[in-house]
PDB file of N, CA and C in Angstrom:
ATOM      1  N   UNK A   1     -15.872 -10.122  -3.866  1.00  0.00           N
ATOM      2  CA  UNK A   1     -15.520  -9.114  -4.039  1.00  0.00           C
ATOM      3  C   UNK A   1     -13.945  -9.019  -4.295  1.00  0.00           C
ATOM      4  N   UNK A   2     -13.566  -9.512  -5.528  1.00  0.00           N
ATOM      5  CA  UNK A   2     -12.448  -9.962  -6.151  1.00  0.00           C
ATOM      6  C   UNK A   2     -11.277  -8.576  -5.985  1.00  0.00           C
ATOM      7  N   UNK A   3     -10.068  -9.089  -5.737  1.00  0.00           N
ATOM      8  CA  UNK A   3      -9.242  -7.874  -6.128  1.00  0.00           C
ATOM      9  C   UNK A   3      -8.106  -8.407  -7.049  1.00  0.00           C
ATOM     10  N   UNK A   4      -8.340  -7.583  -8.311  1.00  0.00           N
ATOM     11  CA  UNK A   4      -7.300  -7.809  -9.465  1.00  0.00           C
ATOM     12  C   UNK A   4      -6.081  -7.148  -8.869  1.00  0.00           C
ATOM     13  N   UNK A   5      -4.377  -7.677  -9.627  1.00  0.00           N
ATOM     14  CA  UNK A   5      -3.067  -7.052  -9.426  1.00  0.00           C
ATOM     15  C   UNK A   5      -2.762  -7.307 -10.754  1.00  0.00           C
ATOM     16  N   UNK A   6      -2.430  -6.813 -11.666  1.00  0.00           N
ATOM     17  CA  UNK A   6      -1.818  -7.198 -12.990  1.00  0.00           C
ATOM     18  C   UNK A   6      -0.341  -7.694 -13.358  1.00  0.00           C
ATOM     19  N   UNK A   7      -0.094  -8.846 -12.981  1.00  0.00           N
ATOM     20  CA  UNK A   7       1.458  -9.005 -12.837  1.00  0.00           C
ATOM     21  C   UNK A   7       2.215  -9.904 -13.415  1.00  0.00           C
ATOM     22  N   UNK A   8       1.638 -10.076 -14.720  1.00  0.00           N
ATOM     23  CA  UNK A   8       2.366 -10.761 -15.760  1.00  0.00           C
ATOM     24  C   UNK A   8       1.276 -11.199 -16.840  1.00  0.00           C
ATOM     25  N   UNK A   9       2.382 -12.061 -17.956  1.00  0.00           N
ATOM     26  CA  UNK A   9       1.504 -12.857 -19.157  1.00  0.00           C
ATOM     27  C   UNK A   9       1.259 -14.408 -18.105  1.00  0.00           C
ATOM     28  N   UNK A  10       0.247 -14.887 -18.490  1.00  0.00           N
ATOM     29  CA  UNK A  10       0.111 -15.928 -18.402  1.00  0.00           C
ATOM     30  C   UNK A  10       1.357 -16.780 -19.027  1.00  0.00           C
ATOM     31  N   UNK A  11       2.070 -17.562 -18.019  1.00  0.00           N
ATOM     32  CA  UNK A  11       3.278 -18.180 -18.477  1.00  0.00           C
ATOM     33  C   UNK A  11       4.249 -17.813 -18.197  1.00  0.00           C
ATOM     34  N   UNK A  12       4.334 -16.317 -18.137  1.00  0.00           N
ATOM     35  CA  UNK A  12       5.597 -15.472 -17.930  1.00  0.00           C
ATOM     36  C   UNK A  12       6.285 -15.034 -16.332  1.00  0.00           C
ATOM     37  N   UNK A  13       4.762 -15.031 -15.778  1.00  0.00           N
ATOM     38  CA  UNK A  13       5.277 -14.544 -14.137  1.00  0.00           C
ATOM     39  C   UNK A  13       5.975 -15.665 -13.625  1.00  0.00           C
ATOM     40  N   UNK A  14       7.025 -14.977 -12.837  1.00  0.00           N
ATOM     41  CA  UNK A  14       7.821 -15.965 -11.711  1.00  0.00           C
ATOM     42  C   UNK A  14       7.107 -16.573 -10.735  1.00  0.00           C
ATOM     43  N   UNK A  15       7.020 -18.102 -10.289  1.00  0.00           N
ATOM     44  CA  UNK A  15       6.913 -18.614  -8.968  1.00  0.00           C
ATOM     45  C   UNK A  15       6.599 -17.842  -7.858  1.00  0.00           C
ATOM     46  N   UNK A  16       7.519 -17.061  -7.717  1.00  0.00           N
ATOM     47  CA  UNK A  16       7.651 -16.406  -6.381  1.00  0.00           C
ATOM     48  C   UNK A  16       6.407 -15.200  -6.513  1.00  0.00           C
ATOM     49  N   UNK A  17       6.259 -14.362  -7.409  1.00  0.00           N
ATOM     50  CA  UNK A  17       5.015 -13.292  -7.288  1.00  0.00           C
ATOM     51  C   UNK A  17       4.083 -14.100  -7.833  1.00  0.00           C
ATOM     52  N   UNK A  18       4.011 -15.314  -8.039  1.00  0.00           N
ATOM     53  CA  UNK A  18       2.540 -15.909  -8.231  1.00  0.00           C
ATOM     54  C   UNK A  18       2.268 -16.594  -6.790  1.00  0.00           C
ATOM     55  N   UNK A  19       3.158 -17.166  -5.925  1.00  0.00           N
ATOM     56  CA  UNK A  19       2.913 -17.389  -4.706  1.00  0.00           C
ATOM     57  C   UNK A  19       2.532 -16.448  -3.839  1.00  0.00           C
ATOM     58  N   UNK A  20       3.221 -14.914  -3.822  1.00  0.00           N
ATOM     59  CA  UNK A  20       2.819 -13.814  -3.284  1.00  0.00           C
ATOM     60  C   UNK A  20       1.430 -13.617  -3.232  1.00  0.00           C
ATOM     61  N   UNK A  21       1.135 -13.682  -4.236  1.00  0.00           N
ATOM     62  CA  UNK A  21      -0.536 -13.240  -4.839  1.00  0.00           C
ATOM     63  C   UNK A  21      -1.239 -14.202  -4.472  1.00  0.00           C
ATOM     64  N   UNK A  22      -1.336 -15.542  -4.238  1.00  0.00           N
ATOM     65  CA  UNK A  22      -2.218 -16.390  -3.569  1.00  0.00           C
ATOM     66  C   UNK A  22      -2.123 -16.020  -1.687  1.00  0.00           C
ATOM     67  N   UNK A  23      -1.246 -15.538  -1.575  1.00  0.00           N
ATOM     68  CA  UNK A  23      -1.012 -15.501  -0.223  1.00  0.00           C
ATOM     69  C   UNK A  23      -1.533 -14.232  -0.044  1.00  0.00           C
ATOM     70  N   UNK A  24      -1.350 -13.029  -0.510  1.00  0.00           N
ATOM     71  CA  UNK A  24      -2.146 -11.493  -0.369  1.00  0.00           C
ATOM     72  C   UNK A  24      -3.609 -11.885  -0.653  1.00  0.00           C
ATOM     73  N   UNK A  25      -4.133 -12.923  -1.957  1.00  0.00           N
ATOM     74  CA  UNK A  25      -5.435 -13.073  -1.945  1.00  0.00           C
ATOM     75  C   UNK A  25      -6.297 -13.804  -0.724  1.00  0.00           C
ATOM     76  N   UNK A  26      -5.383 -14.435  -0.309  1.00  0.00           N
ATOM     77  CA  UNK A  26      -5.769 -15.512   1.017  1.00  0.00           C
ATOM     78  C   UNK A  26      -6.027 -14.383   1.985  1.00  0.00           C
ATOM     79  N   UNK A  27      -5.068 -13.330   2.246  1.00  0.00           N
ATOM     80  CA  UNK A  27      -5.104 -12.584   3.101  1.00  0.00           C
ATOM     81  C   UNK A  27      -6.372 -11.515   2.925  1.00  0.00           C
ATOM     82  N   UNK A  28      -6.770 -11.090   1.963  1.00  0.00           N
ATOM     83  CA  UNK A  28      -8.280 -10.493   1.756  1.00  0.00           C
ATOM     84  C   UNK A  28      -9.281 -11.063   1.675  1.00  0.00           C
ATOM     85  N   UNK A  29      -9.376 -12.486   1.582  1.00  0.00           N
ATOM     86  CA  UNK A  29     -10.619 -13.411   2.082  1.00  0.00           C
ATOM     87  C   UNK A  29     -10.897 -13.614   3.428  1.00  0.00           C
ATOM     88  N   UNK A  30      -9.552 -13.734   4.279  1.00  0.00           N
ATOM     89  CA  UNK A  30      -9.805 -13.585   5.504  1.00  0.00           C
ATOM     90  C   UNK A  30     -10.310 -12.408   6.031  1.00  0.00           C
ATOM     91  N   UNK A  31      -9.849 -11.121   5.283  1.00  0.00           N
ATOM     92  CA  UNK A  31     -10.507  -9.925   6.143  1.00  0.00           C
ATOM     93  C   UNK A  31     -11.592  -9.595   5.419  1.00  0.00           C
ATOM     94  N   UNK A  32     -12.024  -9.996   4.415  1.00  0.00           N
ATOM     95  CA  UNK A  32     -13.459 -10.452   3.526  1.00  0.00           C
ATOM     96  C   UNK A  32     -14.445 -11.021   4.753  1.00  0.00           C
ATOM     97  N   UNK A  33     -13.567 -12.021   5.120  1.00  0.00           N
ATOM     98  CA  UNK A  33     -14.882 -13.077   5.782  1.00  0.00           C
ATOM     99  C   UNK A  33     -14.528 -12.764   7.836  1.00  0.00           C
ATOM    100  N   UNK A  34     -14.245 -11.372   7.986  1.00  0.00           N
ATOM    101  CA  UNK A  34     -14.373 -10.758   9.088  1.00  0.00           C
ATOM    102  C   UNK A  34     -12.774 -11.449  10.244  1.00  0.00           C
ATOM    103  N   UNK A  35     -12.334 -12.385   9.478  1.00  0.00           N
ATOM    104  CA  UNK A  35     -10.964 -13.031  10.624  1.00  0.00           C
ATOM    105  C   UNK A  35     -10.136 -12.300  10.769  1.00  0.00           C
ATOM    106  N   UNK A  36     -10.475 -10.984  11.484  1.00  0.00           N
ATOM    107  CA  UNK A  36      -9.203  -9.788  11.201  1.00  0.00           C
ATOM    108  C   UNK A  36      -7.807 -10.447  12.387  1.00  0.00           C
ATOM    109  N   UNK A  37      -7.689 -11.058  12.694  1.00  0.00           N
ATOM    110  CA  UNK A  37      -6.804 -11.467  13.326  1.00  0.00           C
ATOM    111  C   UNK A  37      -5.976 -12.076  12.533  1.00  0.00           C
ATOM    112  N   UNK A  38      -6.599 -13.583  11.999  1.00  0.00           N
ATOM    113  CA  UNK A  38      -5.801 -14.331  11.129  1.00  0.00           C
ATOM    114  C   UNK A  38      -5.372 -13.434   9.701  1.00  0.00           C
ATOM    115  N   UNK A  39      -5.780 -12.540   9.744  1.00  0.00           N
ATOM    116  CA  UNK A  39      -5.568 -11.306   8.184  1.00  0.00           C
ATOM    117  C   UNK A  39      -4.696 -10.672   8.772  1.00  0.00           C
ATOM    118  N   UNK A  40      -4.515 -10.342   9.785  1.00  0.00           N
ATOM    119  CA  UNK A  40      -3.340  -9.310  10.535  1.00  0.00           C
ATOM    120  C   UNK A  40      -2.229 -10.340  10.073  1.00  0.00           C
ATOM    121  N   UNK A  41      -2.114 -11.132  10.871  1.00  0.00           N
ATOM    122  CA  UNK A  41      -1.079 -12.367  10.839  1.00  0.00           C
ATOM    123  C   UNK A  41      -0.378 -12.545   9.043  1.00  0.00           C
ATOM    124  N   UNK A  42      -1.579 -12.678   8.342  1.00  0.00           N
ATOM    125  CA  UNK A  42      -1.058 -13.158   7.053  1.00  0.00           C
ATOM    126  C   UNK A  42      -0.582 -11.427   5.899  1.00  0.00           C
ATOM    127  N   UNK A  43      -1.308 -10.524   6.623  1.00  0.00           N
ATOM    128  CA  UNK A  43      -0.596  -9.112   5.720  1.00  0.00           C
ATOM    129  C   UNK A  43       0.718  -8.788   6.799  1.00  0.00           C
ATOM    130  N   UNK A  44       0.904  -9.244   7.947  1.00  0.00           N
ATOM    131  CA  UNK A  44       2.208  -8.896   8.677  1.00  0.00           C
ATOM    132  C   UNK A  44       3.076  -9.587   7.912  1.00  0.00           C
ATOM    133  N   UNK A  45       3.065 -10.883   7.002  1.00  0.00           N
ATOM    134  CA  UNK A  45       3.739 -11.351   6.523  1.00  0.00           C
ATOM    135  C   UNK A  45       3.909 -11.170   4.842  1.00  0.00           C
ATOM    136  N   UNK A  46       3.063 -10.417   4.380  1.00  0.00           N
ATOM    137  CA  UNK A  46       3.008  -9.754   2.899  1.00  0.00           C
ATOM    138  C   UNK A  46       4.184  -8.523   2.867  1.00  0.00           C
ATOM    139  N   UNK A  47       3.991  -8.050   4.635  1.00  0.00           N
ATOM    140  CA  UNK A  47       4.946  -6.737   4.223  1.00  0.00           C
ATOM    141  C   UNK A  47       6.383  -7.120   4.393  1.00  0.00           C
ATOM    142  N   UNK A  48       6.625  -8.159   5.279  1.00  0.00           N
ATOM    143  CA  UNK A  48       7.705  -8.701   5.463  1.00  0.00           C
ATOM    144  C   UNK A  48       8.222  -8.989   4.000  1.00  0.00           C
ATOM    145  N   UNK A  49       7.773  -9.483   3.095  1.00  0.00           N
ATOM    146  CA  UNK A  49       8.062  -9.352   1.811  1.00  0.00           C
ATOM    147  C   UNK A  49       7.700  -8.603   0.925  1.00  0.00           C
ATOM    148  N   UNK A  50       7.367  -7.639   1.118  1.00  0.00           N
ATOM    149  CA  UNK A  50       7.294  -6.439  -0.129  1.00  0.00           C
ATOM    150  C   UNK A  50       7.099  -5.455   0.825  1.00  0.00           C
ATOM    151  N   UNK A  51       7.994  -4.877   1.903  1.00  0.00           N
ATOM    152  CA  UNK A  51       7.960  -3.764   2.344  1.00  0.00           C
ATOM    153  C   UNK A  51       7.472  -2.630   1.548  1.00  0.00           C
ATOM    154  N   UNK A  52       6.929  -1.727   2.243  1.00  0.00           N
ATOM    155  CA  UNK A  52       6.269  -0.448   1.669  1.00  0.00           C
ATOM    156  C   UNK A  52       5.100  -0.377   0.175  1.00  0.00           C
ATOM    157  N   UNK A  53       4.761  -2.133   0.164  1.00  0.00           N
ATOM    158  CA  UNK A  53       3.574  -2.021  -0.763  1.00  0.00           C
ATOM    159  C   UNK A  53       2.038  -0.897   0.034  1.00  0.00           C
ATOM    160  N   UNK A  54       1.025  -0.186  -0.806  1.00  0.00           N
ATOM    161  CA  UNK A  54       0.231   0.053  -0.159  1.00  0.00           C
ATOM    162  C   UNK A  54      -0.643  -0.581  -0.124  1.00  0.00           C
ATOM    163  N   UNK A  55      -0.940  -1.497  -0.784  1.00  0.00           N
ATOM    164  CA  UNK A  55      -2.358  -1.896  -0.898  1.00  0.00           C
ATOM    165  C   UNK A  55      -2.053  -2.819   0.707  1.00  0.00           C
ATOM    166  N   UNK A  56      -1.030  -3.151   1.299  1.00  0.00           N
ATOM    167  CA  UNK A  56      -0.651  -4.404   2.022  1.00  0.00           C
ATOM    168  C   UNK A  56      -0.058  -3.121   3.248  1.00  0.00           C
ATOM    169  N   UNK A  57      -0.395  -2.137   3.304  1.00  0.00           N
ATOM    170  CA  UNK A  57      -0.262  -1.119   3.984  1.00  0.00           C
ATOM    171  C   UNK A  57      -2.057  -0.706   4.159  1.00  0.00           C
ATOM    172  N   UNK A  58      -2.397  -0.417   3.439  1.00  0.00           N
ATOM    173  CA  UNK A  58      -3.912   0.095   3.271  1.00  0.00           C
ATOM    174  C   UNK A  58      -4.706  -1.126   4.117  1.00  0.00           C
ATOM    175  N   UNK A  59      -4.608  -2.451   3.638  1.00  0.00           N
ATOM    176  CA  UNK A  59      -5.398  -3.484   3.972  1.00  0.00           C
ATOM    177  C   UNK A  59      -4.829  -3.309   5.917  1.00  0.00           C
ATOM    178  N   UNK A  60      -3.926  -3.167   6.050  1.00  0.00           N
ATOM    179  CA  UNK A  60      -3.080  -3.698   7.562  1.00  0.00           C
ATOM    180  C   UNK A  60      -3.802  -2.701   8.151  1.00  0.00           C
ATOM    181  N   UNK A  61      -3.848  -1.331   7.834  1.00  0.00           N
ATOM    182  CA  UNK A  61      -4.517  -0.497   8.669  1.00  0.00           C
ATOM    183  C   UNK A  61      -5.789  -0.646   8.962  1.00  0.00           C
ATOM    184  N   UNK A  62      -6.828  -1.065   7.745  1.00  0.00           N
ATOM    185  CA  UNK A  62      -8.223  -1.601   8.100  1.00  0.00           C
ATOM    186  C   UNK A  62      -8.688  -2.714   8.415  1.00  0.00           C
ATOM    187  N   UNK A  63      -7.770  -3.637   8.836  1.00  0.00           N
ATOM    188  CA  UNK A  63      -7.513  -4.641  10.031  1.00  0.00           C
ATOM    189  C   UNK A  63      -7.155  -4.191  11.082  1.00  0.00           C
ATOM    190  N   UNK A  64      -6.513  -3.697  11.278  1.00  0.00           N
ATOM    191  CA  UNK A  64      -6.249  -2.537  13.151  1.00  0.00           C
ATOM    192  C   UNK A  64      -7.524  -1.556  13.273  1.00  0.00           C
ATOM    193  N   UNK A  65      -8.011  -1.365  12.261  1.00  0.00           N
ATOM    194  CA  UNK A  65      -9.166  -0.090  12.817  1.00  0.00           C
ATOM    195  C   UNK A  65     -10.201  -1.246  12.917  1.00  0.00           C
ATOM    196  N   UNK A  66     -10.793  -2.444  12.177  1.00  0.00           N
ATOM    197  CA  UNK A  66     -12.001  -3.385  12.302  1.00  0.00           C
ATOM    198  C   UNK A  66     -11.292  -4.053  13.911  1.00  0.00           C
ATOM    199  N   UNK A  67     -10.813  -4.048  13.873  1.00  0.00           N
ATOM    200  CA  UNK A  67     -10.130  -5.145  15.637  1.00  0.00           C
ATOM    201  C   UNK A  67     -10.159  -4.309  16.546  1.00  0.00           C
ATOM    202  N   UNK A  68     -10.463  -2.989  16.369  1.00  0.00           N
ATOM    203  CA  UNK A  68     -10.535  -1.908  17.591  1.00  0.00           C
ATOM    204  C   UNK A  68     -12.252  -1.483  17.216  1.00  0.00           C
ATOM    205  N   UNK A  69     -12.547  -1.425  16.537  1.00  0.00           N
ATOM    206  CA  UNK A  69     -14.225  -1.577  16.443  1.00  0.00           C
ATOM    207  C   UNK A  69     -14.628  -1.802  15.086  1.00  0.00           C
ATOM    208  N   UNK A  70     -15.053  -3.299  15.608  1.00  0.00           N
ATOM    209  CA  UNK A  70     -15.613  -3.959  14.227  1.00  0.00           C
ATOM    210  C   UNK A  70     -16.661  -3.637  13.888  1.00  0.00           C
ATOM    211  N   UNK A  71     -16.669  -3.286  12.414  1.00  0.00           N
ATOM    212  CA  UNK A  71     -17.518  -3.211  11.381  1.00  0.00           C
ATOM    213  C   UNK A  71     -19.037  -3.685  11.880  1.00  0.00           C
ATOM    214  N   UNK A  72     -20.166  -2.925  11.535  1.00  0.00           N
ATOM    215  CA  UNK A  72     -21.656  -3.411  11.713  1.00  0.00           C
ATOM    216  C   UNK A  72     -22.343  -4.591  10.967  1.00  0.00           C
ATOM    217  N   UNK A  73     -23.551  -4.336  10.463  1.00  0.00           N
ATOM    218  CA  UNK A  73     -23.838  -5.415   9.624  1.00  0.00           C
ATOM    219  C   UNK A  73     -24.213  -5.428   8.442  1.00  0.00           C
ATOM    220  N   UNK A  74     -24.134  -4.383   8.579  1.00  0.00           N
ATOM    221  CA  UNK A  74     -24.054  -3.539   6.808  1.00  0.00           C
ATOM    222  C   UNK A  74     -22.841  -3.183   6.271  1.00  0.00           C
ATOM    223  N   UNK A  75     -21.703  -3.588   6.791  1.00  0.00           N
ATOM    224  CA  UNK A  75     -20.365  -3.676   6.419  1.00  0.00           C
ATOM    225  C   UNK A  75     -19.877  -4.561   5.154  1.00  0.00           C
ATOM    226  N   UNK A  76     -20.040  -3.414   3.673  1.00  0.00           N
ATOM    227  CA  UNK A  76     -19.697  -3.759   2.396  1.00  0.00           C
ATOM    228  C   UNK A  76     -18.305  -5.074   2.361  1.00  0.00           C
ATOM    229  N   UNK A  77     -17.752  -5.212   3.212  1.00  0.00           N
ATOM    230  CA  UNK A  77     -16.006  -5.625   2.612  1.00  0.00           C
ATOM    231  C   UNK A  77     -15.202  -5.060   2.201  1.00  0.00           C
ATOM    232  N   UNK A  78     -15.909  -3.562   1.715  1.00  0.00           N
ATOM    233  CA  UNK A  78     -14.392  -3.040   1.093  1.00  0.00           C
ATOM    234  C   UNK A  78     -13.570  -1.861   1.930  1.00  0.00           C
ATOM    235  N   UNK A  79     -12.493  -1.463   1.800  1.00  0.00           N
ATOM    236  CA  UNK A  79     -11.357  -0.686   1.845  1.00  0.00           C
ATOM    237  C   UNK A  79     -11.951   0.732   1.152  1.00  0.00           C
ATOM    238  N   UNK A  80     -11.408   1.772   1.381  1.00  0.00           N
ATOM    239  CA  UNK A  80     -11.884   3.153   0.667  1.00  0.00           C
ATOM    240  C   UNK A  80     -10.405   3.543   0.773  1.00  0.00           C
ATOM    241  N   UNK A  81     -10.829   3.906  -0.969  1.00  0.00           N
ATOM    242  CA  UNK A  81      -8.575   4.113  -1.783  1.00  0.00           C
ATOM    243  C   UNK A  81      -9.027   5.571  -1.459  1.00  0.00           C
ATOM    244  N   UNK A  82      -8.286   6.210  -1.026  1.00  0.00           N
ATOM    245  CA  UNK A  82      -8.003   7.727  -1.030  1.00  0.00           C
ATOM    246  C   UNK A  82      -6.673   8.539  -1.862  1.00  0.00           C
ATOM    247  N   UNK A  83      -5.758   7.643  -2.281  1.00  0.00           N
ATOM    248  CA  UNK A  83      -4.899   8.077  -2.924  1.00  0.00           C
ATOM    249  C   UNK A  83      -4.443   6.962  -3.985  1.00  0.00           C
ATOM    250  N   UNK A  84      -3.734   7.675  -4.721  1.00  0.00           N
ATOM    251  CA  UNK A  84      -3.305   6.531  -6.028  1.00  0.00           C
ATOM    252  C   UNK A  84      -2.411   6.029  -5.998  1.00  0.00           C
TER     253      UNK A  84
END
């Protein structure tokens, strides 16, 4: 289940922004693979780079919830967005 974020035109995006996007995508992949402890560490890294990022905060909260009570076998790997 891909997650997309528009970060700029191809060839015009700063290397730092591309690197962050790769790290965030890796965190989401870990989350979707149920590797919640690893995902938490990666999202923590993202939060240090972008404090207050809503997407990071949402995933971080979901990781914490799933570490406390793992989702069932029917989990669809998605998070529910409740705000804009």
